[in-house]
Amino acid sequence: MVKYQPELKALIVGQYLNANLSISELAKKHDVPKRQIFSWIQNYQLGGTKTLKRRTTRRKFSTTFKLNVIDYYQTHDESLATVAAKYDILACQISIWRTKFSCNGIEALKPHQKGRPSKVKRKKKTISAPVKQSEVEQLRAELIQKNKELYEIRLENDIIKKSIALFGPSKDDVKPK
């Protein structure tokens, strides 16, 4: 992707507005795509000169901002590019937010942890229970723990059964005649 200097963008937009040159003429003169010039002009008209400058920092958007943009786009009869220029974001970003929101709801718009998850399993700190628990509470806690273990063992068992069904028994499991 070609990155254009803000001075060139300002020059082209200024020539379009002041010299009454067409977008096609400007595209040929400066060897820049017509669509790119059109988006610069549109952004300038909606947001001013700050839209012609390149950003150096990554922006983070809140969930409420994302919802407001989606709501505005869906309730107003404006194009995706116009809404994007109004909020000073990329049009494809609005489309991504809409898709995520329609598939997974508001949870998909909330910020989440970036990067690969750690391979080291961290143990959750357990809150020490009071020393004096009634016998019923102790039995309930044990029952919950045993149910968790049983569930995990059943999952492992199901995985083994499905792998045998898919790949067949291993050589050690073959019964002698």
N, C-alpha and C. Protein backbone atom coordinates (compact mmCIF):
# COMPACT_ATOMS: atom_id res chain seq x y z
N MET A 1 0.84 -1.17 0.00
CA MET A 1 0.00 0.00 0.00
C MET A 1 0.88 1.23 0.00
N VAL A 2 0.64 2.12 -0.90
CA VAL A 2 1.42 3.35 -1.02
C VAL A 2 0.94 4.34 0.02
N LYS A 3 1.91 4.96 0.69
CA LYS A 3 1.59 6.00 1.67
C LYS A 3 1.98 7.34 1.09
N TYR A 4 1.04 8.25 1.05
CA TYR A 4 1.26 9.57 0.47
C TYR A 4 1.53 10.59 1.56
N GLN A 5 2.36 11.54 1.25
CA GLN A 5 2.70 12.60 2.20
C GLN A 5 1.49 13.53 2.38
N PRO A 6 1.31 14.07 3.59
CA PRO A 6 0.19 14.99 3.83
C PRO A 6 0.26 16.24 2.95
N GLU A 7 1.48 16.66 2.60
CA GLU A 7 1.63 17.84 1.75
C GLU A 7 1.05 17.58 0.36
N LEU A 8 1.31 16.38 -0.18
CA LEU A 8 0.77 16.02 -1.49
C LEU A 8 -0.76 15.96 -1.44
N LYS A 9 -1.29 15.38 -0.37
CA LYS A 9 -2.74 15.30 -0.22
C LYS A 9 -3.35 16.70 -0.19
N ALA A 10 -2.74 17.59 0.60
CA ALA A 10 -3.26 18.96 0.71
C ALA A 10 -3.16 19.68 -0.63
N LEU A 11 -2.08 19.45 -1.36
CA LEU A 11 -1.90 20.08 -2.66
C LEU A 11 -2.99 19.64 -3.63
N ILE A 12 -3.26 18.34 -3.68
CA ILE A 12 -4.27 17.80 -4.61
C ILE A 12 -5.66 18.30 -4.23
N VAL A 13 -5.98 18.26 -2.95
CA VAL A 13 -7.30 18.73 -2.50
C VAL A 13 -7.44 20.22 -2.80
N GLY A 14 -6.38 20.99 -2.56
CA GLY A 14 -6.42 22.42 -2.85
C GLY A 14 -6.60 22.70 -4.33
N GLN A 15 -5.93 21.93 -5.18
CA GLN A 15 -6.10 22.11 -6.63
C GLN A 15 -7.52 21.76 -7.07
N TYR A 16 -8.09 20.75 -6.44
CA TYR A 16 -9.46 20.36 -6.79
C TYR A 16 -10.44 21.48 -6.41
N LEU A 17 -10.28 22.02 -5.22
CA LEU A 17 -11.23 23.02 -4.73
C LEU A 17 -11.01 24.40 -5.37
N ASN A 18 -9.75 24.81 -5.54
CA ASN A 18 -9.46 26.17 -6.01
C ASN A 18 -9.31 26.27 -7.53
N ALA A 19 -8.60 25.33 -8.13
CA ALA A 19 -8.32 25.42 -9.57
C ALA A 19 -9.41 24.78 -10.41
N ASN A 20 -10.41 24.21 -9.77
CA ASN A 20 -11.53 23.55 -10.45
C ASN A 20 -11.06 22.49 -11.45
N LEU A 21 -10.03 21.72 -11.07
CA LEU A 21 -9.58 20.59 -11.88
C LEU A 21 -10.43 19.38 -11.52
N SER A 22 -10.66 18.52 -12.47
CA SER A 22 -11.44 17.31 -12.19
C SER A 22 -10.55 16.27 -11.52
N ILE A 23 -11.19 15.30 -10.93
CA ILE A 23 -10.45 14.23 -10.25
C ILE A 23 -9.62 13.45 -11.27
N SER A 24 -10.15 13.23 -12.44
CA SER A 24 -9.43 12.50 -13.48
C SER A 24 -8.15 13.24 -13.88
N GLU A 25 -8.24 14.56 -14.05
CA GLU A 25 -7.07 15.35 -14.41
C GLU A 25 -6.01 15.31 -13.31
N LEU A 26 -6.47 15.42 -12.07
CA LEU A 26 -5.53 15.36 -10.94
C LEU A 26 -4.87 13.99 -10.84
N ALA A 27 -5.64 12.94 -11.10
CA ALA A 27 -5.10 11.58 -11.04
C ALA A 27 -4.00 11.38 -12.08
N LYS A 28 -4.23 11.88 -13.29
CA LYS A 28 -3.21 11.76 -14.34
C LYS A 28 -1.99 12.62 -14.02
N LYS A 29 -2.23 13.82 -13.53
CA LYS A 29 -1.15 14.77 -13.27
C LYS A 29 -0.21 14.29 -12.16
N HIS A 30 -0.78 13.73 -11.09
CA HIS A 30 0.02 13.33 -9.93
C HIS A 30 0.25 11.82 -9.85
N ASP A 31 -0.30 11.07 -10.79
CA ASP A 31 -0.17 9.61 -10.82
C ASP A 31 -0.67 8.97 -9.51
N VAL A 32 -1.89 9.34 -9.15
CA VAL A 32 -2.56 8.84 -7.96
C VAL A 32 -3.91 8.30 -8.40
N PRO A 33 -4.38 7.18 -7.84
CA PRO A 33 -5.68 6.64 -8.23
C PRO A 33 -6.83 7.62 -7.95
N LYS A 34 -7.83 7.60 -8.82
CA LYS A 34 -8.98 8.50 -8.70
C LYS A 34 -9.72 8.28 -7.38
N ARG A 35 -9.88 7.02 -7.04
CA ARG A 35 -10.61 6.68 -5.82
C ARG A 35 -9.92 7.27 -4.59
N GLN A 36 -8.60 7.24 -4.61
CA GLN A 36 -7.84 7.78 -3.48
C GLN A 36 -8.06 9.28 -3.36
N ILE A 37 -8.01 9.98 -4.48
CA ILE A 37 -8.22 11.43 -4.48
C ILE A 37 -9.64 11.75 -4.01
N PHE A 38 -10.60 10.96 -4.48
CA PHE A 38 -11.99 11.19 -4.06
C PHE A 38 -12.14 11.03 -2.55
N SER A 39 -11.49 10.02 -1.98
CA SER A 39 -11.61 9.82 -0.53
C SER A 39 -10.93 10.95 0.24
N TRP A 40 -9.79 11.47 -0.27
CA TRP A 40 -9.15 12.61 0.40
C TRP A 40 -10.06 13.82 0.39
N ILE A 41 -10.69 14.07 -0.75
CA ILE A 41 -11.59 15.23 -0.86
C ILE A 41 -12.78 15.07 0.07
N GLN A 42 -13.34 13.89 0.09
CA GLN A 42 -14.50 13.64 0.94
C GLN A 42 -14.12 13.78 2.42
N ASN A 43 -12.98 13.21 2.80
CA ASN A 43 -12.53 13.33 4.20
C ASN A 43 -12.26 14.78 4.56
N TYR A 44 -11.66 15.52 3.66
CA TYR A 44 -11.37 16.93 3.92
C TYR A 44 -12.67 17.72 4.12
N GLN A 45 -13.66 17.46 3.29
CA GLN A 45 -14.92 18.20 3.40
C GLN A 45 -15.65 17.88 4.69
N LEU A 46 -15.52 16.66 5.18
CA LEU A 46 -16.21 16.28 6.41
C LEU A 46 -15.41 16.59 7.68
N GLY A 47 -14.06 16.49 7.58
CA GLY A 47 -13.28 16.62 8.81
C GLY A 47 -12.20 17.67 8.81
N GLY A 48 -11.92 18.30 7.70
CA GLY A 48 -10.89 19.33 7.67
C GLY A 48 -9.51 18.78 7.38
N THR A 49 -8.50 19.59 7.66
CA THR A 49 -7.12 19.23 7.32
C THR A 49 -6.56 18.12 8.18
N LYS A 50 -7.10 17.92 9.36
CA LYS A 50 -6.56 16.87 10.24
C LYS A 50 -6.73 15.48 9.63
N THR A 51 -7.69 15.33 8.72
CA THR A 51 -7.91 14.01 8.10
C THR A 51 -6.86 13.69 7.05
N LEU A 52 -6.10 14.69 6.64
CA LEU A 52 -5.07 14.45 5.62
C LEU A 52 -3.75 13.99 6.24
N LYS A 53 -3.60 14.15 7.55
CA LYS A 53 -2.38 13.74 8.22
C LYS A 53 -2.42 12.26 8.56
N ARG A 54 -1.26 11.65 8.53
CA ARG A 54 -1.14 10.24 8.86
C ARG A 54 -1.06 10.07 10.37
N ARG A 55 -1.72 9.08 10.89
CA ARG A 55 -1.67 8.83 12.33
C ARG A 55 -0.41 8.05 12.68
N THR A 56 0.17 8.37 13.82
CA THR A 56 1.37 7.67 14.26
C THR A 56 1.08 6.72 15.42
N THR A 57 -0.07 6.87 16.04
CA THR A 57 -0.40 5.99 17.16
C THR A 57 -1.63 5.17 16.83
N ARG A 58 -1.70 4.03 17.45
CA ARG A 58 -2.84 3.15 17.26
C ARG A 58 -3.98 3.61 18.16
N ARG A 59 -5.16 3.68 17.59
CA ARG A 59 -6.31 4.14 18.37
C ARG A 59 -7.09 2.95 18.90
N LYS A 60 -7.68 3.14 20.07
CA LYS A 60 -8.55 2.12 20.66
C LYS A 60 -9.93 2.74 20.81
N PHE A 61 -10.94 2.00 20.40
CA PHE A 61 -12.30 2.49 20.45
C PHE A 61 -13.08 1.77 21.53
N SER A 62 -13.89 2.51 22.26
CA SER A 62 -14.69 1.91 23.31
C SER A 62 -15.89 1.18 22.69
N THR A 63 -16.48 0.34 23.49
CA THR A 63 -17.65 -0.42 23.03
C THR A 63 -18.81 0.51 22.72
N THR A 64 -18.97 1.55 23.52
CA THR A 64 -20.08 2.48 23.27
C THR A 64 -19.86 3.24 21.96
N PHE A 65 -18.62 3.61 21.67
CA PHE A 65 -18.34 4.30 20.41
C PHE A 65 -18.68 3.39 19.23
N LYS A 66 -18.28 2.14 19.32
CA LYS A 66 -18.56 1.18 18.24
C LYS A 66 -20.07 1.02 18.04
N LEU A 67 -20.79 0.92 19.15
CA LEU A 67 -22.25 0.79 19.05
C LEU A 67 -22.88 2.04 18.46
N ASN A 68 -22.37 3.21 18.82
CA ASN A 68 -22.90 4.46 18.28
C ASN A 68 -22.68 4.53 16.77
N VAL A 69 -21.51 4.12 16.31
CA VAL A 69 -21.21 4.15 14.87
C VAL A 69 -22.13 3.18 14.12
N ILE A 70 -22.29 1.97 14.66
CA ILE A 70 -23.17 0.98 14.01
C ILE A 70 -24.60 1.49 13.98
N ASP A 71 -25.05 2.05 15.11
CA ASP A 71 -26.41 2.57 15.18
C ASP A 71 -26.61 3.72 14.19
N TYR A 72 -25.65 4.62 14.11
CA TYR A 72 -25.77 5.75 13.18
C TYR A 72 -25.84 5.25 11.74
N TYR A 73 -25.00 4.29 11.41
CA TYR A 73 -24.99 3.77 10.03
C TYR A 73 -26.32 3.11 9.68
N GLN A 74 -26.88 2.37 10.63
CA GLN A 74 -28.11 1.64 10.35
C GLN A 74 -29.35 2.53 10.36
N THR A 75 -29.32 3.62 11.11
CA THR A 75 -30.51 4.47 11.20
C THR A 75 -30.52 5.60 10.18
N HIS A 76 -29.37 5.98 9.67
CA HIS A 76 -29.31 7.07 8.70
C HIS A 76 -29.10 6.51 7.31
N ASP A 77 -29.58 7.23 6.35
CA ASP A 77 -29.48 6.79 4.96
C ASP A 77 -28.22 7.39 4.33
N GLU A 78 -27.06 6.95 4.84
CA GLU A 78 -25.78 7.43 4.33
C GLU A 78 -24.91 6.24 3.97
N SER A 79 -23.98 6.48 3.06
CA SER A 79 -23.10 5.38 2.64
C SER A 79 -22.09 5.06 3.74
N LEU A 80 -21.50 3.90 3.60
CA LEU A 80 -20.50 3.46 4.56
C LEU A 80 -19.30 4.42 4.56
N ALA A 81 -18.90 4.88 3.38
CA ALA A 81 -17.77 5.80 3.28
C ALA A 81 -18.07 7.13 3.95
N THR A 82 -19.29 7.62 3.82
CA THR A 82 -19.66 8.89 4.43
C THR A 82 -19.65 8.79 5.95
N VAL A 83 -20.18 7.71 6.48
CA VAL A 83 -20.20 7.51 7.93
C VAL A 83 -18.76 7.36 8.44
N ALA A 84 -17.94 6.64 7.69
CA ALA A 84 -16.55 6.45 8.09
C ALA A 84 -15.81 7.78 8.12
N ALA A 85 -16.05 8.62 7.12
CA ALA A 85 -15.40 9.93 7.08
C ALA A 85 -15.90 10.81 8.22
N LYS A 86 -17.17 10.71 8.55
CA LYS A 86 -17.73 11.52 9.63
C LYS A 86 -17.10 11.17 10.97
N TYR A 87 -16.90 9.88 11.22
CA TYR A 87 -16.32 9.44 12.49
C TYR A 87 -14.80 9.30 12.42
N ASP A 88 -14.21 9.59 11.26
CA ASP A 88 -12.77 9.53 11.05
C ASP A 88 -12.21 8.13 11.34
N ILE A 89 -12.85 7.13 10.75
CA ILE A 89 -12.37 5.76 10.82
C ILE A 89 -12.46 5.15 9.42
N LEU A 90 -11.96 3.96 9.27
CA LEU A 90 -12.00 3.28 7.98
C LEU A 90 -13.37 2.65 7.76
N ALA A 91 -13.81 2.64 6.51
CA ALA A 91 -15.11 2.06 6.19
C ALA A 91 -15.14 0.56 6.47
N CYS A 92 -14.03 -0.10 6.20
CA CYS A 92 -13.98 -1.55 6.43
C CYS A 92 -14.12 -1.86 7.93
N GLN A 93 -13.66 -0.94 8.79
CA GLN A 93 -13.77 -1.17 10.22
C GLN A 93 -15.23 -1.19 10.66
N ILE A 94 -16.04 -0.31 10.10
CA ILE A 94 -17.47 -0.30 10.42
C ILE A 94 -18.11 -1.62 9.99
N SER A 95 -17.73 -2.07 8.82
CA SER A 95 -18.27 -3.33 8.31
C SER A 95 -17.89 -4.50 9.22
N ILE A 96 -16.66 -4.51 9.69
CA ILE A 96 -16.21 -5.58 10.59
C ILE A 96 -16.98 -5.53 11.90
N TRP A 97 -17.14 -4.33 12.45
CA TRP A 97 -17.90 -4.19 13.70
C TRP A 97 -19.33 -4.66 13.54
N ARG A 98 -19.96 -4.30 12.42
CA ARG A 98 -21.36 -4.72 12.17
C ARG A 98 -21.46 -6.24 12.10
N THR A 99 -20.53 -6.87 11.39
CA THR A 99 -20.56 -8.33 11.26
C THR A 99 -20.38 -9.00 12.61
N LYS A 100 -19.42 -8.54 13.38
CA LYS A 100 -19.19 -9.12 14.70
C LYS A 100 -20.41 -8.93 15.59
N PHE A 101 -21.00 -7.74 15.54
CA PHE A 101 -22.15 -7.46 16.38
C PHE A 101 -23.35 -8.32 16.00
N SER A 102 -23.57 -8.51 14.71
CA SER A 102 -24.72 -9.31 14.28
C SER A 102 -24.53 -10.79 14.60
N CYS A 103 -23.29 -11.26 14.58
CA CYS A 103 -23.03 -12.69 14.87
C CYS A 103 -23.00 -12.99 16.37
N ASN A 104 -22.27 -12.17 17.13
CA ASN A 104 -22.00 -12.51 18.52
C ASN A 104 -22.50 -11.49 19.54
N GLY A 105 -23.18 -10.45 19.09
CA GLY A 105 -23.73 -9.48 20.02
C GLY A 105 -22.70 -8.51 20.54
N ILE A 106 -23.04 -7.88 21.65
CA ILE A 106 -22.21 -6.82 22.20
C ILE A 106 -20.88 -7.35 22.75
N GLU A 107 -20.84 -8.61 23.12
CA GLU A 107 -19.61 -9.21 23.66
C GLU A 107 -18.49 -9.16 22.64
N ALA A 108 -18.82 -9.26 21.36
CA ALA A 108 -17.79 -9.26 20.31
C ALA A 108 -17.15 -7.89 20.15
N LEU A 109 -17.83 -6.84 20.57
CA LEU A 109 -17.29 -5.49 20.43
C LEU A 109 -16.44 -5.07 21.62
N LYS A 110 -16.51 -5.82 22.70
CA LYS A 110 -15.72 -5.47 23.88
C LYS A 110 -14.25 -5.78 23.62
N PRO A 111 -13.35 -4.99 24.23
CA PRO A 111 -11.92 -5.25 24.02
C PRO A 111 -11.53 -6.59 24.63
N HIS A 112 -10.59 -7.25 23.98
CA HIS A 112 -10.11 -8.54 24.47
C HIS A 112 -8.59 -8.56 24.45
N GLN A 113 -8.03 -9.53 25.13
CA GLN A 113 -6.58 -9.61 25.25
C GLN A 113 -5.97 -9.97 23.91
N LYS A 114 -4.90 -9.29 23.56
CA LYS A 114 -4.24 -9.51 22.29
C LYS A 114 -3.11 -10.53 22.45
N GLY A 115 -2.74 -11.16 21.35
CA GLY A 115 -1.57 -12.04 21.34
C GLY A 115 -1.91 -13.48 21.64
N ARG A 116 -0.88 -14.26 21.58
CA ARG A 116 -1.00 -15.70 21.81
C ARG A 116 -1.15 -15.97 23.30
N PRO A 117 -2.03 -16.90 23.66
CA PRO A 117 -2.17 -17.20 25.09
C PRO A 117 -0.92 -17.89 25.62
N SER A 118 -0.66 -17.70 26.89
CA SER A 118 0.51 -18.28 27.52
C SER A 118 0.39 -19.79 27.59
N LYS A 119 1.52 -20.48 27.41
CA LYS A 119 1.52 -21.94 27.51
C LYS A 119 1.58 -22.39 28.97
N VAL A 120 2.06 -21.53 29.81
CA VAL A 120 2.16 -21.86 31.22
C VAL A 120 0.78 -21.72 31.84
N LYS A 121 0.33 -22.80 32.44
CA LYS A 121 -0.98 -22.74 33.09
C LYS A 121 -0.80 -22.16 34.48
N ARG A 122 -1.53 -21.12 34.72
CA ARG A 122 -1.45 -20.47 36.02
C ARG A 122 -2.58 -21.01 36.90
N LYS A 123 -2.22 -21.33 38.09
CA LYS A 123 -3.22 -21.83 39.02
C LYS A 123 -3.99 -20.65 39.59
N LYS A 124 -5.27 -20.81 39.63
CA LYS A 124 -6.10 -19.76 40.22
C LYS A 124 -5.93 -19.79 41.73
N LYS A 125 -5.83 -18.61 42.27
CA LYS A 125 -5.70 -18.52 43.71
C LYS A 125 -7.05 -18.84 44.33
N THR A 126 -7.03 -19.82 45.19
CA THR A 126 -8.28 -20.18 45.85
C THR A 126 -8.38 -19.39 47.14
N ILE A 127 -9.55 -18.95 47.36
CA ILE A 127 -9.81 -18.21 48.59
C ILE A 127 -9.97 -19.24 49.70
N SER A 128 -9.18 -19.07 50.72
CA SER A 128 -9.23 -20.05 51.80
C SER A 128 -10.58 -19.95 52.51
N ALA A 129 -11.22 -21.09 52.58
CA ALA A 129 -12.53 -21.15 53.21
C ALA A 129 -12.34 -21.13 54.72
N PRO A 130 -13.36 -20.71 55.42
CA PRO A 130 -13.25 -20.74 56.88
C PRO A 130 -12.99 -22.17 57.36
N VAL A 131 -12.23 -22.27 58.41
CA VAL A 131 -11.82 -23.58 58.91
C VAL A 131 -13.03 -24.38 59.38
N LYS A 132 -13.96 -23.73 59.96
CA LYS A 132 -15.11 -24.44 60.50
C LYS A 132 -16.24 -24.45 59.48
N GLN A 133 -16.27 -25.50 58.65
CA GLN A 133 -17.38 -25.70 57.73
C GLN A 133 -18.24 -26.82 58.27
N SER A 134 -19.47 -26.70 58.00
CA SER A 134 -20.34 -27.79 58.44
C SER A 134 -20.06 -29.01 57.56
N GLU A 135 -20.45 -30.13 58.04
CA GLU A 135 -20.20 -31.38 57.32
C GLU A 135 -20.94 -31.39 55.98
N VAL A 136 -22.11 -30.78 55.94
CA VAL A 136 -22.89 -30.73 54.71
C VAL A 136 -22.16 -29.89 53.65
N GLU A 137 -21.60 -28.76 54.05
CA GLU A 137 -20.86 -27.91 53.12
C GLU A 137 -19.62 -28.61 52.59
N GLN A 138 -18.92 -29.34 53.46
CA GLN A 138 -17.75 -30.09 53.02
C GLN A 138 -18.13 -31.15 51.99
N LEU A 139 -19.23 -31.84 52.24
CA LEU A 139 -19.68 -32.87 51.31
C LEU A 139 -20.12 -32.26 49.97
N ARG A 140 -20.75 -31.10 50.01
CA ARG A 140 -21.14 -30.43 48.76
C ARG A 140 -19.90 -30.04 47.95
N ALA A 141 -18.89 -29.52 48.64
CA ALA A 141 -17.66 -29.12 47.95
C ALA A 141 -16.99 -30.34 47.31
N GLU A 142 -16.95 -31.46 48.07
CA GLU A 142 -16.38 -32.70 47.52
C GLU A 142 -17.18 -33.19 46.32
N LEU A 143 -18.49 -33.12 46.41
CA LEU A 143 -19.34 -33.56 45.31
C LEU A 143 -19.11 -32.72 44.06
N ILE A 144 -18.98 -31.42 44.22
CA ILE A 144 -18.71 -30.55 43.08
C ILE A 144 -17.37 -30.91 42.45
N GLN A 145 -16.36 -31.14 43.27
CA GLN A 145 -15.04 -31.51 42.77
C GLN A 145 -15.09 -32.85 42.02
N LYS A 146 -15.78 -33.81 42.56
CA LYS A 146 -15.89 -35.13 41.91
C LYS A 146 -16.65 -35.03 40.59
N ASN A 147 -17.69 -34.18 40.55
CA ASN A 147 -18.44 -34.00 39.29
C ASN A 147 -17.56 -33.38 38.21
N LYS A 148 -16.70 -32.44 38.60
CA LYS A 148 -15.77 -31.84 37.64
C LYS A 148 -14.80 -32.89 37.09
N GLU A 149 -14.26 -33.70 37.98
CA GLU A 149 -13.33 -34.75 37.56
C GLU A 149 -14.03 -35.75 36.64
N LEU A 150 -15.25 -36.13 36.97
CA LEU A 150 -16.01 -37.07 36.16
C LEU A 150 -16.27 -36.50 34.76
N TYR A 151 -16.61 -35.23 34.71
CA TYR A 151 -16.85 -34.57 33.42
C TYR A 151 -15.60 -34.58 32.56
N GLU A 152 -14.45 -34.26 33.15
CA GLU A 152 -13.20 -34.26 32.39
C GLU A 152 -12.85 -35.65 31.90
N ILE A 153 -13.06 -36.66 32.72
CA ILE A 153 -12.76 -38.04 32.32
C ILE A 153 -13.68 -38.47 31.19
N ARG A 154 -14.95 -38.09 31.25
CA ARG A 154 -15.87 -38.43 30.16
C ARG A 154 -15.46 -37.77 28.85
N LEU A 155 -15.01 -36.51 28.93
CA LEU A 155 -14.54 -35.84 27.72
C LEU A 155 -13.34 -36.56 27.12
N GLU A 156 -12.38 -36.93 27.97
CA GLU A 156 -11.21 -37.66 27.48
C GLU A 156 -11.63 -38.99 26.84
N ASN A 157 -12.57 -39.65 27.47
CA ASN A 157 -13.05 -40.94 26.96
C ASN A 157 -13.73 -40.76 25.60
N ASP A 158 -14.53 -39.71 25.45
CA ASP A 158 -15.18 -39.45 24.17
C ASP A 158 -14.16 -39.16 23.07
N ILE A 159 -13.12 -38.42 23.42
CA ILE A 159 -12.07 -38.12 22.44
C ILE A 159 -11.38 -39.40 21.99
N ILE A 160 -11.08 -40.27 22.92
CA ILE A 160 -10.43 -41.54 22.57
C ILE A 160 -11.33 -42.39 21.69
N LYS A 161 -12.61 -42.46 22.02
CA LYS A 161 -13.55 -43.24 21.21
C LYS A 161 -13.64 -42.70 19.79
N LYS A 162 -13.71 -41.38 19.65
CA LYS A 162 -13.81 -40.80 18.31
C LYS A 162 -12.53 -40.99 17.52
N SER A 163 -11.39 -40.93 18.17
CA SER A 163 -10.14 -41.14 17.45
C SER A 163 -10.02 -42.59 16.98
N ILE A 164 -10.50 -43.50 17.77
CA ILE A 164 -10.48 -44.92 17.36
C ILE A 164 -11.43 -45.12 16.18
N ALA A 165 -12.59 -44.45 16.23
CA ALA A 165 -13.55 -44.58 15.14
C ALA A 165 -12.98 -43.99 13.85
N LEU A 166 -12.25 -42.91 13.96
CA LEU A 166 -11.70 -42.26 12.76
C LEU A 166 -10.46 -42.96 12.23
N PHE A 167 -9.54 -43.31 13.11
CA PHE A 167 -8.25 -43.81 12.68
C PHE A 167 -8.07 -45.32 12.87
N GLY A 168 -9.01 -45.96 13.51
CA GLY A 168 -8.91 -47.39 13.75
C GLY A 168 -8.10 -47.68 14.99
N PRO A 169 -8.15 -48.90 15.46
CA PRO A 169 -7.41 -49.24 16.69
C PRO A 169 -5.90 -49.24 16.43
N SER A 170 -5.14 -48.99 17.48
CA SER A 170 -3.68 -49.03 17.34
C SER A 170 -3.23 -50.48 17.26
N LYS A 171 -1.97 -50.71 16.92
CA LYS A 171 -1.45 -52.07 16.75
C LYS A 171 -1.47 -52.84 18.05
N ASP A 172 -1.33 -52.16 19.18
CA ASP A 172 -1.32 -52.83 20.48
C ASP A 172 -2.71 -53.32 20.84
N ASP A 173 -3.75 -52.67 20.32
CA ASP A 173 -5.10 -53.03 20.69
C ASP A 173 -5.68 -54.18 19.87
N VAL A 174 -4.97 -54.66 18.85
CA VAL A 174 -5.49 -55.72 17.98
C VAL A 174 -5.53 -57.01 18.78
N LYS A 175 -6.70 -57.68 18.74
CA LYS A 175 -6.88 -58.91 19.50
C LYS A 175 -6.24 -60.08 18.76
N PRO A 176 -5.55 -60.99 19.50
CA PRO A 176 -4.98 -62.17 18.83
C PRO A 176 -6.09 -63.16 18.47
N LYS A 177 -5.86 -63.94 17.43
CA LYS A 177 -6.87 -64.93 16.99
C LYS A 177 -6.81 -66.20 17.76
